[in-house]
N, C-alpha and C. Protein backbone atom coordinates (compact mmCIF):
# COMPACT_ATOMS: atom_id res chain seq x y z
N MET A 1 40.47 -78.70 6.31
CA MET A 1 41.67 -78.15 6.45
C MET A 1 42.66 -79.10 6.82
N THR A 2 42.38 -79.79 7.85
CA THR A 2 43.43 -80.60 8.45
C THR A 2 43.77 -81.69 7.39
N ASP A 3 42.88 -82.16 6.66
CA ASP A 3 43.22 -83.12 5.43
C ASP A 3 44.39 -82.32 4.61
N LEU A 4 44.23 -81.24 4.34
CA LEU A 4 45.17 -80.50 3.50
C LEU A 4 46.60 -80.47 4.09
N VAL A 5 46.49 -80.25 5.26
CA VAL A 5 47.86 -80.24 6.06
C VAL A 5 48.25 -81.52 6.21
N ILE A 6 47.69 -82.62 6.29
CA ILE A 6 48.30 -83.94 6.50
C ILE A 6 48.78 -84.25 5.10
N PHE A 7 48.01 -84.08 3.94
CA PHE A 7 48.43 -84.36 2.70
C PHE A 7 49.71 -83.49 2.36
N LEU A 8 49.93 -82.26 2.82
CA LEU A 8 50.97 -81.67 2.40
C LEU A 8 52.27 -82.15 3.14
N GLN A 9 52.03 -82.52 4.56
CA GLN A 9 53.06 -83.06 5.39
C GLN A 9 53.47 -84.41 4.68
N ALA A 10 52.37 -85.26 4.19
CA ALA A 10 52.81 -86.45 3.67
C ALA A 10 53.53 -86.24 2.24
N GLN A 11 53.53 -85.22 1.67
CA GLN A 11 54.21 -84.92 0.42
C GLN A 11 55.58 -84.50 0.79
N GLY A 12 56.03 -83.70 1.91
CA GLY A 12 57.09 -83.35 2.06
C GLY A 12 57.29 -81.94 1.60
N ASN A 13 58.50 -81.42 1.86
CA ASN A 13 58.90 -80.06 1.33
C ASN A 13 58.70 -79.86 -0.06
N GLY A 14 59.03 -81.00 -1.04
CA GLY A 14 59.10 -80.86 -2.35
C GLY A 14 57.78 -80.63 -2.95
N GLY A 15 56.62 -81.42 -2.49
CA GLY A 15 55.42 -81.08 -2.72
C GLY A 15 54.76 -79.92 -2.47
N VAL A 16 55.14 -79.25 -1.27
CA VAL A 16 54.68 -77.85 -0.96
C VAL A 16 55.32 -76.76 -1.98
N LEU A 17 56.50 -76.95 -2.34
CA LEU A 17 57.19 -76.09 -3.05
C LEU A 17 56.59 -76.36 -4.67
N GLN A 18 56.17 -77.56 -4.93
CA GLN A 18 55.64 -77.77 -6.39
C GLN A 18 54.18 -77.05 -6.40
N LEU A 19 53.52 -77.16 -5.37
CA LEU A 19 52.13 -76.50 -5.29
C LEU A 19 52.17 -75.07 -5.41
N VAL A 20 53.32 -74.40 -4.58
CA VAL A 20 53.41 -72.97 -4.62
C VAL A 20 53.78 -72.43 -6.15
N LEU A 21 54.70 -73.13 -6.65
CA LEU A 21 54.95 -72.83 -7.89
C LEU A 21 54.13 -73.08 -8.97
N LEU A 22 53.13 -73.97 -8.89
CA LEU A 22 52.10 -74.10 -9.76
C LEU A 22 51.16 -73.05 -9.43
N VAL A 23 50.75 -72.58 -8.29
CA VAL A 23 49.87 -71.40 -8.09
C VAL A 23 50.53 -70.23 -8.58
N GLY A 24 51.86 -69.83 -8.46
CA GLY A 24 52.64 -68.73 -8.83
C GLY A 24 52.50 -68.54 -10.28
N MET A 25 52.68 -69.82 -10.98
CA MET A 25 52.56 -69.76 -12.51
C MET A 25 51.05 -69.41 -12.93
N ILE A 26 50.10 -69.90 -12.32
CA ILE A 26 48.71 -69.53 -12.70
C ILE A 26 48.36 -68.12 -12.43
N LEU A 27 48.98 -67.61 -11.36
CA LEU A 27 48.74 -66.20 -11.03
C LEU A 27 49.52 -65.20 -12.08
N VAL A 28 50.86 -65.46 -12.48
CA VAL A 28 51.55 -64.85 -13.31
C VAL A 28 50.89 -64.87 -14.76
N PHE A 29 50.23 -66.00 -15.10
CA PHE A 29 49.52 -66.28 -16.33
C PHE A 29 48.22 -65.27 -16.32
N TRP A 30 47.63 -65.32 -15.38
CA TRP A 30 46.44 -64.47 -15.23
C TRP A 30 46.71 -62.90 -15.14
N LEU A 31 47.79 -62.67 -14.42
CA LEU A 31 48.09 -61.27 -14.56
C LEU A 31 48.58 -60.68 -15.76
N PHE A 32 49.30 -61.36 -16.52
CA PHE A 32 49.94 -60.82 -17.86
C PHE A 32 49.27 -61.32 -19.14
N MET A 33 48.37 -62.18 -18.99
CA MET A 33 47.81 -62.54 -20.20
C MET A 33 46.16 -62.43 -20.18
N ILE A 34 45.55 -62.88 -19.31
CA ILE A 34 44.14 -62.76 -19.23
C ILE A 34 43.61 -61.56 -18.91
N ARG A 35 43.99 -60.98 -17.83
CA ARG A 35 43.51 -59.69 -17.26
C ARG A 35 43.84 -58.60 -18.41
N PRO A 36 44.84 -58.30 -18.95
CA PRO A 36 44.86 -57.30 -19.85
C PRO A 36 44.15 -57.44 -21.19
N GLN A 37 43.90 -58.76 -21.49
CA GLN A 37 43.23 -59.14 -22.78
C GLN A 37 41.83 -58.80 -22.49
N ALA A 38 41.21 -59.06 -21.31
CA ALA A 38 39.71 -58.74 -20.95
C ALA A 38 39.55 -57.30 -20.84
N LYS A 39 40.48 -56.46 -20.33
CA LYS A 39 40.46 -55.11 -20.30
C LYS A 39 40.61 -54.38 -21.59
N LYS A 40 41.18 -54.95 -22.68
CA LYS A 40 41.28 -54.43 -24.01
C LYS A 40 39.94 -54.63 -24.71
N ALA A 41 39.43 -56.03 -24.34
CA ALA A 41 38.15 -56.30 -25.11
C ALA A 41 36.98 -55.41 -24.53
N LYS A 42 36.94 -55.11 -23.25
CA LYS A 42 36.04 -54.18 -22.74
C LYS A 42 36.03 -52.89 -23.10
N GLN A 43 37.21 -52.29 -23.44
CA GLN A 43 37.69 -51.01 -24.08
C GLN A 43 37.00 -51.04 -25.42
N ALA A 44 37.26 -52.07 -26.31
CA ALA A 44 36.78 -52.16 -27.67
C ALA A 44 35.23 -52.12 -27.56
N LYS A 45 34.72 -53.02 -26.74
CA LYS A 45 33.09 -52.85 -26.76
C LYS A 45 32.65 -51.51 -26.37
N SER A 46 33.14 -50.76 -25.41
CA SER A 46 32.62 -49.65 -25.12
C SER A 46 32.96 -48.50 -26.05
N PHE A 47 34.10 -48.52 -26.84
CA PHE A 47 34.13 -47.82 -28.07
C PHE A 47 33.15 -47.93 -29.07
N GLN A 48 32.86 -49.13 -29.45
CA GLN A 48 31.86 -49.55 -30.53
C GLN A 48 30.46 -49.29 -30.12
N GLU A 49 30.11 -49.27 -28.87
CA GLU A 49 28.88 -48.89 -28.44
C GLU A 49 28.64 -47.23 -28.68
N ASN A 50 29.76 -46.46 -28.55
CA ASN A 50 29.68 -45.17 -28.19
C ASN A 50 29.98 -44.37 -29.71
N LEU A 51 29.94 -45.17 -30.86
CA LEU A 51 29.94 -44.49 -31.95
C LEU A 51 28.94 -43.69 -32.27
N GLN A 52 29.10 -42.50 -32.93
CA GLN A 52 28.13 -41.58 -33.32
C GLN A 52 28.11 -41.13 -34.71
N GLU A 53 27.06 -40.65 -35.44
CA GLU A 53 27.07 -40.21 -36.74
C GLU A 53 28.10 -39.30 -36.89
N GLY A 54 28.76 -39.39 -38.01
CA GLY A 54 29.76 -38.42 -38.34
C GLY A 54 31.14 -38.71 -37.97
N ASP A 55 31.27 -40.04 -37.09
CA ASP A 55 32.64 -40.38 -36.49
C ASP A 55 33.40 -40.87 -37.79
N LYS A 56 34.66 -40.59 -37.99
CA LYS A 56 35.49 -41.21 -38.91
C LYS A 56 36.00 -42.55 -38.26
N VAL A 57 35.83 -43.74 -39.00
CA VAL A 57 36.30 -45.03 -38.41
C VAL A 57 37.03 -45.84 -39.70
N VAL A 58 37.73 -46.77 -38.98
CA VAL A 58 38.54 -47.82 -39.89
C VAL A 58 38.14 -49.22 -39.43
N THR A 59 37.66 -50.08 -40.52
CA THR A 59 37.25 -51.52 -40.13
C THR A 59 38.41 -52.13 -39.93
N ILE A 60 38.18 -53.54 -39.40
CA ILE A 60 39.40 -54.25 -39.29
C ILE A 60 39.79 -54.73 -40.49
N ALA A 61 39.24 -54.64 -41.80
CA ALA A 61 39.59 -54.85 -42.97
C ALA A 61 40.51 -53.79 -43.51
N GLY A 62 40.42 -52.71 -42.79
CA GLY A 62 41.13 -51.48 -43.54
C GLY A 62 40.32 -50.68 -44.21
N ILE A 63 38.86 -50.58 -44.28
CA ILE A 63 37.98 -49.79 -44.87
C ILE A 63 37.81 -48.56 -44.25
N HIS A 64 38.12 -47.33 -44.78
CA HIS A 64 38.11 -46.04 -44.14
C HIS A 64 36.79 -45.36 -44.56
N GLY A 65 36.06 -44.89 -43.66
CA GLY A 65 34.82 -44.09 -43.91
C GLY A 65 34.25 -43.36 -42.78
N ARG A 66 32.99 -42.90 -42.78
CA ARG A 66 32.53 -41.88 -41.92
C ARG A 66 31.18 -42.60 -41.65
N VAL A 67 30.83 -42.73 -40.31
CA VAL A 67 29.48 -43.23 -39.82
C VAL A 67 28.35 -42.21 -40.36
N LYS A 68 27.46 -43.03 -41.19
CA LYS A 68 26.30 -42.07 -41.76
C LYS A 68 25.16 -42.13 -41.08
N LYS A 69 24.85 -43.53 -40.46
CA LYS A 69 23.65 -43.86 -39.79
C LYS A 69 23.84 -44.88 -39.03
N ILE A 70 23.25 -45.05 -37.96
CA ILE A 70 23.43 -46.14 -36.93
C ILE A 70 21.95 -47.00 -36.85
N ASN A 71 22.05 -48.21 -37.21
CA ASN A 71 20.86 -48.96 -37.21
C ASN A 71 20.63 -49.71 -36.03
N VAL A 72 19.26 -50.25 -35.66
CA VAL A 72 18.94 -50.81 -34.46
C VAL A 72 19.53 -52.25 -34.16
N ASP A 73 19.91 -52.83 -35.32
CA ASP A 73 20.40 -54.15 -35.38
C ASP A 73 21.69 -54.41 -35.22
N GLY A 74 22.42 -53.49 -34.85
CA GLY A 74 23.97 -53.58 -34.43
C GLY A 74 24.87 -53.49 -35.57
N THR A 75 24.12 -52.70 -36.62
CA THR A 75 24.99 -52.41 -37.64
C THR A 75 25.07 -50.83 -37.83
N PHE A 76 25.72 -50.16 -38.93
CA PHE A 76 25.53 -49.01 -39.33
C PHE A 76 25.98 -48.88 -40.83
N ASP A 77 25.59 -47.65 -41.12
CA ASP A 77 25.77 -47.27 -42.62
C ASP A 77 27.06 -46.57 -42.65
N LEU A 78 28.23 -46.99 -43.46
CA LEU A 78 29.49 -46.42 -43.63
C LEU A 78 29.51 -45.78 -44.85
N GLU A 79 29.90 -44.65 -44.93
CA GLU A 79 30.06 -43.69 -46.22
C GLU A 79 31.45 -43.88 -46.66
N THR A 80 31.80 -44.37 -47.57
CA THR A 80 33.30 -44.67 -47.90
C THR A 80 33.63 -43.62 -48.92
N SER A 81 32.91 -43.00 -49.85
CA SER A 81 33.01 -42.03 -50.46
C SER A 81 31.63 -41.30 -50.82
N PRO A 82 31.60 -40.04 -51.14
CA PRO A 82 30.54 -39.29 -51.26
C PRO A 82 29.46 -40.04 -52.22
N GLY A 83 28.24 -40.64 -51.41
CA GLY A 83 27.18 -41.20 -52.14
C GLY A 83 27.36 -42.65 -52.13
N SER A 84 28.54 -43.42 -51.59
CA SER A 84 28.79 -44.68 -51.66
C SER A 84 28.73 -45.25 -50.16
N TYR A 85 27.77 -46.26 -49.92
CA TYR A 85 27.42 -46.64 -48.71
C TYR A 85 27.64 -48.15 -48.41
N MET A 86 28.11 -48.65 -47.24
CA MET A 86 28.24 -50.02 -46.92
C MET A 86 27.69 -50.24 -45.60
N LYS A 87 26.97 -51.26 -45.45
CA LYS A 87 26.33 -51.73 -44.16
C LYS A 87 27.34 -52.55 -43.30
N VAL A 88 27.74 -52.13 -42.38
CA VAL A 88 28.77 -52.71 -41.39
C VAL A 88 28.49 -53.15 -40.09
N GLU A 89 28.69 -54.21 -39.66
CA GLU A 89 28.80 -54.55 -37.92
C GLU A 89 29.45 -53.73 -37.31
N LYS A 90 28.85 -53.18 -36.25
CA LYS A 90 29.79 -52.57 -35.26
C LYS A 90 31.11 -53.18 -34.81
N SER A 91 30.90 -54.51 -34.61
CA SER A 91 32.04 -55.37 -34.11
C SER A 91 33.33 -55.37 -35.12
N ALA A 92 32.98 -54.78 -36.33
CA ALA A 92 34.03 -54.85 -37.48
C ALA A 92 34.89 -53.54 -37.43
N ILE A 93 34.56 -52.68 -36.48
CA ILE A 93 35.39 -51.57 -36.21
C ILE A 93 36.59 -51.77 -35.46
N SER A 94 37.84 -51.23 -35.98
CA SER A 94 39.03 -51.46 -35.10
C SER A 94 39.18 -50.18 -34.38
N MET A 95 39.27 -50.29 -33.00
CA MET A 95 39.54 -49.23 -32.16
C MET A 95 41.11 -48.60 -32.35
N GLU A 96 41.87 -49.42 -32.41
CA GLU A 96 43.46 -49.13 -32.56
C GLU A 96 43.67 -48.25 -33.98
N MET A 97 43.18 -48.86 -35.07
CA MET A 97 43.41 -48.30 -36.18
C MET A 97 42.64 -46.94 -36.53
N THR A 98 41.35 -46.86 -35.86
CA THR A 98 40.65 -45.52 -35.80
C THR A 98 41.26 -44.57 -35.07
N ALA A 99 41.80 -45.01 -34.00
CA ALA A 99 42.48 -44.04 -32.88
C ALA A 99 43.63 -43.41 -33.76
N ASN A 100 44.51 -44.26 -34.56
CA ASN A 100 45.67 -43.96 -35.34
C ASN A 100 45.27 -42.85 -36.29
N VAL A 101 44.31 -43.07 -37.20
CA VAL A 101 43.87 -42.27 -38.26
C VAL A 101 43.27 -40.91 -37.68
N ASN A 102 42.63 -40.92 -36.65
CA ASN A 102 42.03 -39.75 -36.08
C ASN A 102 43.15 -38.86 -35.43
N LYS A 103 44.16 -39.52 -34.81
CA LYS A 103 45.58 -38.90 -34.27
C LYS A 103 46.16 -38.17 -35.54
N ALA A 104 46.32 -38.86 -36.44
CA ALA A 104 47.21 -38.42 -37.66
C ALA A 104 46.26 -37.28 -38.22
N THR A 105 44.93 -37.29 -38.40
CA THR A 105 44.16 -36.19 -39.03
C THR A 105 44.40 -34.93 -38.09
N THR A 106 44.36 -35.13 -36.80
CA THR A 106 44.33 -33.92 -35.86
C THR A 106 45.64 -33.24 -35.84
N ALA A 107 46.64 -34.25 -36.01
CA ALA A 107 48.15 -33.73 -36.01
C ALA A 107 48.36 -32.91 -37.29
N ALA A 108 47.70 -33.33 -38.61
CA ALA A 108 47.83 -32.54 -39.73
C ALA A 108 47.21 -31.33 -39.60
N ALA A 109 46.23 -31.19 -39.10
CA ALA A 109 45.21 -29.98 -39.03
C ALA A 109 45.76 -29.07 -38.04
N THR A 110 46.63 -29.53 -37.15
CA THR A 110 47.33 -28.48 -36.10
C THR A 110 48.36 -27.92 -36.75
N PRO A 111 48.54 -26.62 -37.07
CA PRO A 111 49.56 -25.94 -37.67
C PRO A 111 50.96 -26.21 -36.86
N ALA A 112 52.06 -26.26 -37.43
CA ALA A 112 53.33 -26.41 -36.60
C ALA A 112 53.76 -24.89 -36.29
N LYS A 113 54.52 -24.73 -35.03
CA LYS A 113 54.70 -23.51 -34.67
C LYS A 113 56.38 -23.33 -34.90
């Protein structure tokens, strides 16, 4: 610890200011870039793990369908039209697009007063 104090004193006030600014920039970068991205990734993983049969979903490629069967290998069968199935990875489901489609569906189903 004393070595750090001696180093900072040798640098003068300009060195301390540069060190404080560098630490501040790293902190701001972490708060506004890394932390929100990690939180969003965690939510997407949770969403994908909680998919159930019968859920309406949208893939990141924009394919709409309903989950027909969940497989043990991390995939599921997506029914795109009656009798037409695709095998899709769970990681290919878009949380945002699925939420928007489901929100629009429930809003259309709710009668206006």
